[in-house]
Amino acid sequence: VGLEIIYEKALYPELEYIFKHALTQEVAYDSLLKQRRQEIHGRIAQTIEQIYGDRLEEHYEILAHHYERSASHPKAVEYLILAAEKSNRKGAVQTTREFAQRAIDLAETSGLQLDPTVQATLYDLQARASLHMGDLDSAIEGFEALLEISRRHGMLKQEKRALKGIADITVFDDSNEKTFRRLNEIRTWARDHDAKDLESIAVTNLGFLWGRLGDLDRGLQVVNESEQLAMQTGKPGPIFSARLIRATMERWLGRPDKTIELTEGVVELLRLRFGLSGLPAAIQIRGIALAEVGRIEEAMAVIRTGIDLCEKYGAEYRLGALYNCLRYCYGELHLPDRGWEHNV
């Protein structure tokens, strides 16, 4: 401290020091032999466990950091999983994916044999976070890995989650023939296993695909069928998915008033119950429908809510669409320069 190499960062709630310059820290760290570094990291992690044993959740991230660098691979993976699950509960998709991917990579490089249930949890966390971020390639890789593990070990619950994730991604897939085949396979699996909620989601996405291909009447008919299936389950997730796609179809058919009616209260409900899976999509559909009937100020308020949420949690896959909707609103207000900013 006297030499100003380090200084006090905080006195409360506990005394904490920090290096004045990152380069100094790096030089000091690199001057230690690798084995010595590993020993120190291990001692720090064990000490944290001893001191904060009654509130370890606050320290999952730092414990994962130290155990990774101590070469205690099982403990590192344990805390990386706990950190990923903690981030997932808070809706922080980027850190969820980061922690889950670090655990997957560490297990592979160290040759650590994970319990199949633990492996499935990791790939599920990684894939769903990647989907919310808009990294569809990573998401499908994760769901395919989850599907393979669950089928190899006879884990039906995890297999169903993998199939649902794959079904969710189909709405972004332009390979129409492949997508039809995949959704029908998922639908058949769901029927064979009496999983009406999954069957409803597969049928909903089949309807969306028909609509996207231009057959809106057939698409709406299929989505109505999926909504009836969803109602039988009593589960809000499948019901919401069907109604959201139906709201999209109604707008495509030139009936934005019907879209507004179908999405009334949905944004508020999703903020309370669903996190990020369908919220940005609901905001986009409702916002653009409000703009199309001339309720521009309401539309802009809804869309800005979606942009703020996506940026806060790192859920990027709808962010471009939401900015484009805001651009449309500025166009309706005859403010093309402001609209162009959002388009860019």
Protein backbone atom coordinates (compact mmCIF):
# COMPACT_ATOMS: atom_id res chain seq x y z
CA VAL A 1 0.00 0.00 0.00
CA GLY A 2 2.84 2.37 0.90
CA LEU A 3 4.43 1.81 -2.51
CA GLU A 4 0.98 2.30 -4.15
CA ILE A 5 1.18 -1.11 -5.80
CA ILE A 6 -2.17 -1.97 -4.27
CA TYR A 7 -4.81 0.18 -2.58
CA GLU A 8 -7.94 -0.26 -0.52
CA LYS A 9 -10.96 -0.82 -2.70
CA ALA A 10 -13.47 -1.18 0.13
CA LEU A 11 -13.61 -1.09 3.91
CA TYR A 12 -17.22 -2.25 4.23
CA PRO A 13 -18.64 -4.85 4.51
CA GLU A 14 -15.11 -6.30 4.45
CA LEU A 15 -11.63 -4.96 3.80
CA GLU A 16 -10.71 -5.45 0.15
CA TYR A 17 -7.57 -4.55 -1.80
CA ILE A 18 -7.04 -4.21 -5.53
CA PHE A 19 -3.95 -3.78 -7.72
CA LYS A 20 -3.51 -0.24 -8.96
CA HIS A 21 -2.58 -1.47 -12.44
CA ALA A 22 -3.65 -4.68 -14.14
CA LEU A 23 -0.14 -5.06 -15.62
CA THR A 24 1.36 -5.16 -12.13
CA GLN A 25 -1.07 -7.87 -11.14
CA GLU A 26 -0.22 -9.84 -14.28
CA VAL A 27 3.54 -9.63 -13.65
CA ALA A 28 3.12 -10.67 -10.01
CA TYR A 29 0.87 -13.57 -11.01
CA ASP A 30 3.17 -14.81 -13.79
CA SER A 31 6.19 -14.69 -11.47
CA LEU A 32 4.73 -17.62 -9.50
CA LEU A 33 5.36 -21.19 -10.62
CA LYS A 34 2.27 -22.91 -12.01
CA GLN A 35 2.13 -25.43 -9.16
CA ARG A 36 2.39 -22.63 -6.58
CA ARG A 37 -0.42 -20.69 -8.29
CA GLN A 38 -2.63 -23.78 -8.23
CA GLU A 39 -1.94 -24.30 -4.51
CA ILE A 40 -2.83 -20.69 -3.67
CA HIS A 41 -6.04 -20.78 -5.73
CA GLY A 42 -7.04 -24.01 -3.97
CA ARG A 43 -6.36 -22.50 -0.51
CA ILE A 44 -8.40 -19.39 -1.36
CA ALA A 45 -11.36 -21.50 -2.55
CA GLN A 46 -11.26 -23.73 0.54
CA THR A 47 -11.06 -20.71 2.83
CA ILE A 48 -14.07 -19.09 1.16
CA GLU A 49 -16.01 -22.34 1.66
CA GLN A 50 -15.07 -22.37 5.36
CA ILE A 51 -15.77 -18.70 6.10
CA TYR A 52 -18.95 -18.33 4.04
CA GLY A 53 -20.39 -21.83 4.41
CA ASP A 54 -23.78 -20.43 5.40
CA ARG A 55 -24.09 -18.22 2.29
CA LEU A 56 -22.03 -19.86 -0.43
CA GLU A 57 -24.41 -18.82 -3.21
CA GLU A 58 -23.00 -15.29 -3.03
CA HIS A 59 -19.57 -16.74 -3.93
CA TYR A 60 -20.34 -19.37 -6.61
CA GLU A 61 -18.66 -17.34 -9.36
CA ILE A 62 -15.43 -16.64 -7.47
CA LEU A 63 -15.25 -20.24 -6.22
CA ALA A 64 -15.57 -21.48 -9.79
CA HIS A 65 -12.76 -19.09 -10.80
CA HIS A 66 -10.35 -20.31 -8.11
CA TYR A 67 -11.13 -24.00 -8.44
CA GLU A 68 -10.66 -23.78 -12.23
CA ARG A 69 -7.15 -22.44 -11.63
CA SER A 70 -6.36 -24.87 -8.84
CA ALA A 71 -6.71 -27.89 -11.15
CA SER A 72 -9.51 -29.21 -8.88
CA HIS A 73 -11.64 -30.02 -11.90
CA PRO A 74 -14.59 -31.74 -10.17
CA LYS A 75 -15.01 -28.82 -7.75
CA ALA A 76 -14.60 -26.32 -10.58
CA VAL A 77 -17.36 -27.99 -12.63
CA GLU A 78 -19.58 -28.17 -9.54
CA TYR A 79 -19.36 -24.42 -8.94
CA LEU A 80 -19.57 -23.53 -12.63
CA ILE A 81 -22.89 -25.40 -12.78
CA LEU A 82 -24.13 -23.65 -9.63
CA ALA A 83 -23.06 -20.27 -11.07
CA ALA A 84 -24.82 -21.05 -14.38
CA GLU A 85 -28.04 -22.03 -12.61
CA LYS A 86 -27.86 -18.90 -10.45
CA SER A 87 -27.46 -16.69 -13.55
CA ASN A 88 -30.29 -18.56 -15.28
CA ARG A 89 -32.66 -17.86 -12.36
CA LYS A 90 -31.85 -14.15 -12.71
CA GLY A 91 -32.41 -14.19 -16.49
CA ALA A 92 -28.76 -13.31 -17.22
CA VAL A 93 -28.42 -15.35 -20.39
CA GLN A 94 -24.87 -14.33 -21.33
CA THR A 95 -23.31 -15.38 -18.03
CA THR A 96 -25.51 -18.50 -17.95
CA ARG A 97 -24.04 -19.55 -21.28
CA GLU A 98 -20.51 -18.57 -20.26
CA PHE A 99 -20.50 -20.65 -17.05
CA ALA A 100 -22.20 -23.65 -18.67
CA GLN A 101 -19.80 -23.61 -21.64
CA ARG A 102 -16.76 -23.33 -19.34
CA ALA A 103 -17.97 -26.40 -17.43
CA ILE A 104 -18.53 -28.36 -20.67
CA ASP A 105 -15.09 -27.38 -22.02
CA LEU A 106 -13.32 -28.12 -18.73
CA ALA A 107 -14.90 -31.57 -18.45
CA GLU A 108 -13.84 -32.38 -22.03
CA THR A 109 -10.25 -31.10 -21.79
CA SER A 110 -9.60 -32.69 -18.38
CA GLY A 111 -11.23 -36.02 -19.29
CA LEU A 112 -13.64 -35.68 -16.37
CA GLN A 113 -16.52 -38.18 -16.58
CA LEU A 114 -19.69 -36.34 -15.61
CA ASP A 115 -22.90 -37.96 -14.44
CA PRO A 116 -25.33 -38.08 -17.41
CA THR A 117 -27.87 -35.95 -15.51
CA VAL A 118 -25.21 -33.31 -14.88
CA GLN A 119 -24.18 -33.39 -18.55
CA ALA A 120 -27.81 -32.97 -19.58
CA THR A 121 -28.24 -29.99 -17.24
CA LEU A 122 -25.17 -28.29 -18.68
CA TYR A 123 -26.19 -28.70 -22.32
CA ASP A 124 -29.74 -27.58 -21.51
CA LEU A 125 -28.47 -24.39 -19.83
CA GLN A 126 -25.98 -23.69 -22.64
CA ALA A 127 -28.51 -24.31 -25.42
CA ARG A 128 -31.37 -22.25 -23.98
CA ALA A 129 -29.09 -19.33 -23.16
CA SER A 130 -27.67 -19.47 -26.70
CA LEU A 131 -31.22 -19.42 -28.12
CA HIS A 132 -32.10 -16.29 -26.14
CA MET A 133 -28.88 -14.63 -27.31
CA GLY A 134 -29.65 -15.40 -30.94
CA ASP A 135 -26.72 -17.79 -31.39
CA LEU A 136 -28.83 -20.42 -33.14
CA ASP A 137 -25.90 -22.59 -34.26
CA SER A 138 -24.71 -23.02 -30.67
CA ALA A 139 -28.27 -23.56 -29.51
CA ILE A 140 -28.98 -26.38 -31.95
CA GLU A 141 -25.61 -28.01 -31.14
CA GLY A 142 -26.51 -27.92 -27.45
CA PHE A 143 -30.00 -29.32 -27.94
CA GLU A 144 -28.71 -32.07 -30.24
CA ALA A 145 -26.10 -33.00 -27.60
CA LEU A 146 -28.83 -33.03 -24.94
CA LEU A 147 -30.99 -35.24 -27.16
CA GLU A 148 -28.14 -37.71 -27.75
CA ILE A 149 -27.27 -37.96 -24.03
CA SER A 150 -30.88 -38.32 -22.93
CA ARG A 151 -31.60 -41.07 -25.48
CA ARG A 152 -28.40 -42.93 -24.66
CA HIS A 153 -29.29 -43.00 -20.96
CA GLY A 154 -33.06 -43.33 -21.24
CA MET A 155 -33.87 -39.94 -19.69
CA LEU A 156 -37.34 -39.13 -21.06
CA LYS A 157 -37.73 -35.81 -19.24
CA GLN A 158 -34.48 -34.48 -20.70
CA GLU A 159 -35.31 -35.92 -24.14
CA LYS A 160 -38.56 -33.98 -24.10
CA ARG A 161 -36.73 -30.76 -23.17
CA ALA A 162 -34.29 -31.31 -26.04
CA LEU A 163 -37.13 -31.84 -28.52
CA LYS A 164 -38.92 -28.73 -27.28
CA GLY A 165 -35.72 -26.71 -27.75
CA ILE A 166 -35.31 -28.05 -31.30
CA ALA A 167 -38.97 -27.21 -32.01
CA ASP A 168 -38.43 -23.65 -30.71
CA ILE A 169 -35.53 -23.17 -33.13
CA THR A 170 -37.56 -24.31 -36.16
CA VAL A 171 -39.32 -20.93 -36.35
CA PHE A 172 -35.96 -19.45 -37.42
CA ASP A 173 -35.06 -22.23 -39.87
CA ASP A 174 -35.36 -21.55 -43.61
CA SER A 175 -34.87 -25.23 -44.57
CA ASN A 176 -38.58 -25.76 -45.10
CA GLU A 177 -38.58 -29.44 -46.09
CA LYS A 178 -36.21 -30.38 -43.28
CA THR A 179 -38.19 -28.28 -40.80
CA PHE A 180 -41.51 -29.92 -41.74
CA ARG A 181 -39.91 -33.35 -41.31
CA ARG A 182 -38.38 -32.47 -37.95
CA LEU A 183 -41.58 -30.99 -36.55
CA ASN A 184 -43.60 -34.01 -37.65
CA GLU A 185 -41.05 -36.30 -35.98
CA ILE A 186 -41.39 -34.31 -32.75
CA ARG A 187 -45.19 -34.43 -33.07
CA THR A 188 -45.10 -38.22 -33.46
CA TRP A 189 -42.80 -38.60 -30.43
CA ALA A 190 -45.14 -36.40 -28.39
CA ARG A 191 -48.18 -38.49 -29.36
CA ASP A 192 -46.36 -41.74 -28.56
CA HIS A 193 -45.45 -40.39 -25.11
CA ASP A 194 -48.78 -38.64 -24.40
CA ALA A 195 -47.04 -35.27 -24.22
CA LYS A 196 -49.81 -32.95 -25.41
CA ASP A 197 -47.88 -29.83 -24.41
CA LEU A 198 -44.98 -30.74 -26.71
CA GLU A 199 -47.39 -31.89 -29.44
CA SER A 200 -49.13 -28.52 -29.25
CA ILE A 201 -45.84 -26.64 -29.66
CA ALA A 202 -44.87 -28.78 -32.67
CA VAL A 203 -48.29 -28.20 -34.29
CA THR A 204 -48.11 -24.46 -33.53
CA ASN A 205 -44.78 -24.23 -35.33
CA LEU A 206 -46.12 -26.26 -38.26
CA GLY A 207 -48.90 -23.68 -38.58
CA PHE A 208 -46.38 -20.87 -38.44
CA LEU A 209 -44.36 -22.56 -41.18
CA TRP A 210 -47.42 -22.83 -43.44
CA GLY A 211 -48.13 -19.15 -42.85
CA ARG A 212 -44.55 -18.17 -43.57
CA LEU A 213 -44.78 -20.05 -46.87
CA GLY A 214 -47.83 -17.96 -47.81
CA ASP A 215 -50.69 -20.36 -47.05
CA LEU A 216 -52.15 -18.18 -44.28
CA ASP A 217 -55.57 -19.83 -44.15
CA ARG A 218 -54.07 -23.28 -43.67
CA GLY A 219 -51.56 -21.91 -41.19
CA LEU A 220 -54.29 -20.29 -39.08
CA GLN A 221 -56.35 -23.49 -39.17
CA VAL A 222 -53.38 -25.54 -37.91
CA VAL A 223 -52.61 -22.99 -35.17
CA ASN A 224 -56.26 -23.10 -34.03
CA GLU A 225 -55.89 -26.88 -33.72
CA SER A 226 -52.72 -26.45 -31.69
CA GLU A 227 -54.44 -24.00 -29.36
CA GLN A 228 -57.18 -26.56 -28.66
CA LEU A 229 -54.47 -29.09 -27.81
CA ALA A 230 -52.76 -26.56 -25.57
CA MET A 231 -56.00 -25.79 -23.74
CA GLN A 232 -56.34 -29.48 -22.89
CA THR A 233 -52.98 -29.39 -21.09
CA GLY A 234 -53.91 -26.41 -18.95
CA LYS A 235 -50.28 -25.29 -19.18
CA PRO A 236 -49.72 -21.57 -19.84
CA GLY A 237 -46.57 -22.04 -21.96
CA PRO A 238 -48.14 -23.97 -24.87
CA ILE A 239 -51.31 -21.81 -24.70
CA PHE A 240 -49.22 -18.66 -24.93
CA SER A 241 -47.17 -20.04 -27.85
CA ALA A 242 -50.29 -20.90 -29.84
CA ARG A 243 -51.97 -17.55 -29.19
CA LEU A 244 -48.83 -15.62 -30.03
CA ILE A 245 -48.53 -17.35 -33.40
CA ARG A 246 -52.28 -16.85 -33.97
CA ALA A 247 -51.82 -13.16 -33.22
CA THR A 248 -49.01 -13.08 -35.81
CA MET A 249 -51.24 -14.80 -38.39
CA GLU A 250 -54.07 -12.33 -37.81
CA ARG A 251 -51.70 -9.46 -38.49
CA TRP A 252 -50.43 -11.14 -41.66
CA LEU A 253 -54.06 -11.48 -42.74
CA GLY A 254 -54.49 -7.71 -42.34
CA ARG A 255 -56.30 -7.80 -39.01
CA PRO A 256 -54.02 -5.90 -36.56
CA ASP A 257 -57.01 -5.13 -34.28
CA LYS A 258 -57.38 -8.87 -33.69
CA THR A 259 -53.64 -9.09 -32.96
CA ILE A 260 -53.96 -6.36 -30.34
CA GLU A 261 -56.93 -8.16 -28.78
CA LEU A 262 -55.04 -11.48 -28.60
CA THR A 263 -51.97 -9.88 -27.01
CA GLU A 264 -53.86 -7.76 -24.45
CA GLY A 265 -52.14 -8.17 -21.08
CA VAL A 266 -49.67 -10.72 -22.46
CA VAL A 267 -46.58 -8.54 -22.06
CA GLU A 268 -47.36 -7.83 -18.39
CA LEU A 269 -48.11 -11.51 -17.72
CA LEU A 270 -44.89 -12.69 -19.35
CA ARG A 271 -42.79 -10.23 -17.37
CA LEU A 272 -44.10 -11.91 -14.22
CA ARG A 273 -43.97 -15.55 -15.31
CA PHE A 274 -41.92 -16.47 -18.34
CA GLY A 275 -38.67 -14.58 -18.43
CA LEU A 276 -37.17 -14.19 -21.88
CA SER A 277 -38.51 -17.11 -23.88
CA GLY A 278 -41.49 -15.41 -25.48
CA LEU A 279 -41.49 -11.88 -24.12
CA PRO A 280 -39.53 -10.08 -26.90
CA ALA A 281 -41.64 -11.83 -29.56
CA ALA A 282 -44.88 -10.77 -27.85
CA ILE A 283 -43.61 -7.20 -27.55
CA GLN A 284 -42.64 -7.11 -31.23
CA ILE A 285 -45.98 -8.43 -32.47
CA ARG A 286 -48.08 -6.22 -30.20
CA GLY A 287 -45.94 -3.14 -30.85
CA ILE A 288 -46.12 -3.31 -34.64
CA ALA A 289 -49.87 -4.03 -34.56
CA LEU A 290 -50.45 -0.97 -32.35
CA ALA A 291 -48.44 1.14 -34.81
CA GLU A 292 -50.45 -0.18 -37.77
CA VAL A 293 -53.73 1.02 -36.23
CA GLY A 294 -52.26 4.44 -35.45
CA ARG A 295 -51.58 4.01 -31.71
CA ILE A 296 -47.98 5.12 -32.25
CA GLU A 297 -47.14 6.35 -28.75
CA GLU A 298 -48.36 3.10 -27.18
CA ALA A 299 -46.44 1.12 -29.77
CA MET A 300 -43.20 2.97 -29.09
CA ALA A 301 -43.56 2.54 -25.32
CA VAL A 302 -44.08 -1.21 -25.70
CA ILE A 303 -41.19 -1.61 -28.14
CA ARG A 304 -38.81 0.41 -25.96
CA THR A 305 -39.69 -1.87 -23.04
CA GLY A 306 -38.62 -4.83 -25.17
CA ILE A 307 -35.37 -3.18 -26.24
CA ASP A 308 -34.51 -2.30 -22.62
CA LEU A 309 -35.18 -5.87 -21.47
CA CYS A 310 -33.17 -7.44 -24.28
CA GLU A 311 -30.22 -5.15 -23.71
CA LYS A 312 -30.35 -5.59 -19.93
CA TYR A 313 -30.28 -9.39 -20.08
CA GLY A 314 -28.22 -9.86 -23.25
CA ALA A 315 -31.07 -11.53 -25.15
CA GLU A 316 -30.20 -10.36 -28.64
CA TYR A 317 -32.20 -12.57 -30.96
CA ARG A 318 -35.17 -10.13 -31.19
CA LEU A 319 -33.21 -6.93 -30.68
CA GLY A 320 -32.76 -6.13 -34.37
CA ALA A 321 -36.45 -6.72 -35.06
CA LEU A 322 -37.46 -4.45 -32.18
CA TYR A 323 -35.19 -1.63 -33.42
CA ASN A 324 -36.72 -2.07 -36.86
CA CYS A 325 -40.22 -1.76 -35.36
CA LEU A 326 -39.16 1.48 -33.67
CA ARG A 327 -37.88 2.70 -37.04
CA TYR A 328 -41.32 1.96 -38.53
CA CYS A 329 -42.97 4.07 -35.79
CA TYR A 330 -40.72 7.04 -36.51
CA GLY A 331 -41.57 6.66 -40.18
CA GLU A 332 -45.27 6.91 -39.33
CA LEU A 333 -44.50 10.11 -37.40
CA HIS A 334 -42.72 11.52 -40.50
CA LEU A 335 -39.35 11.52 -38.72
CA PRO A 336 -37.24 9.55 -41.21
CA ASP A 337 -33.89 10.68 -39.76
CA ARG A 338 -34.76 9.31 -36.32
CA GLY A 339 -36.04 6.16 -37.95
CA TRP A 340 -32.83 5.76 -39.90
CA GLU A 341 -30.79 5.87 -36.67
CA HIS A 342 -32.66 2.83 -35.39
CA ASN A 343 -32.45 1.10 -38.76
CA VAL A 344 -28.66 1.43 -38.65
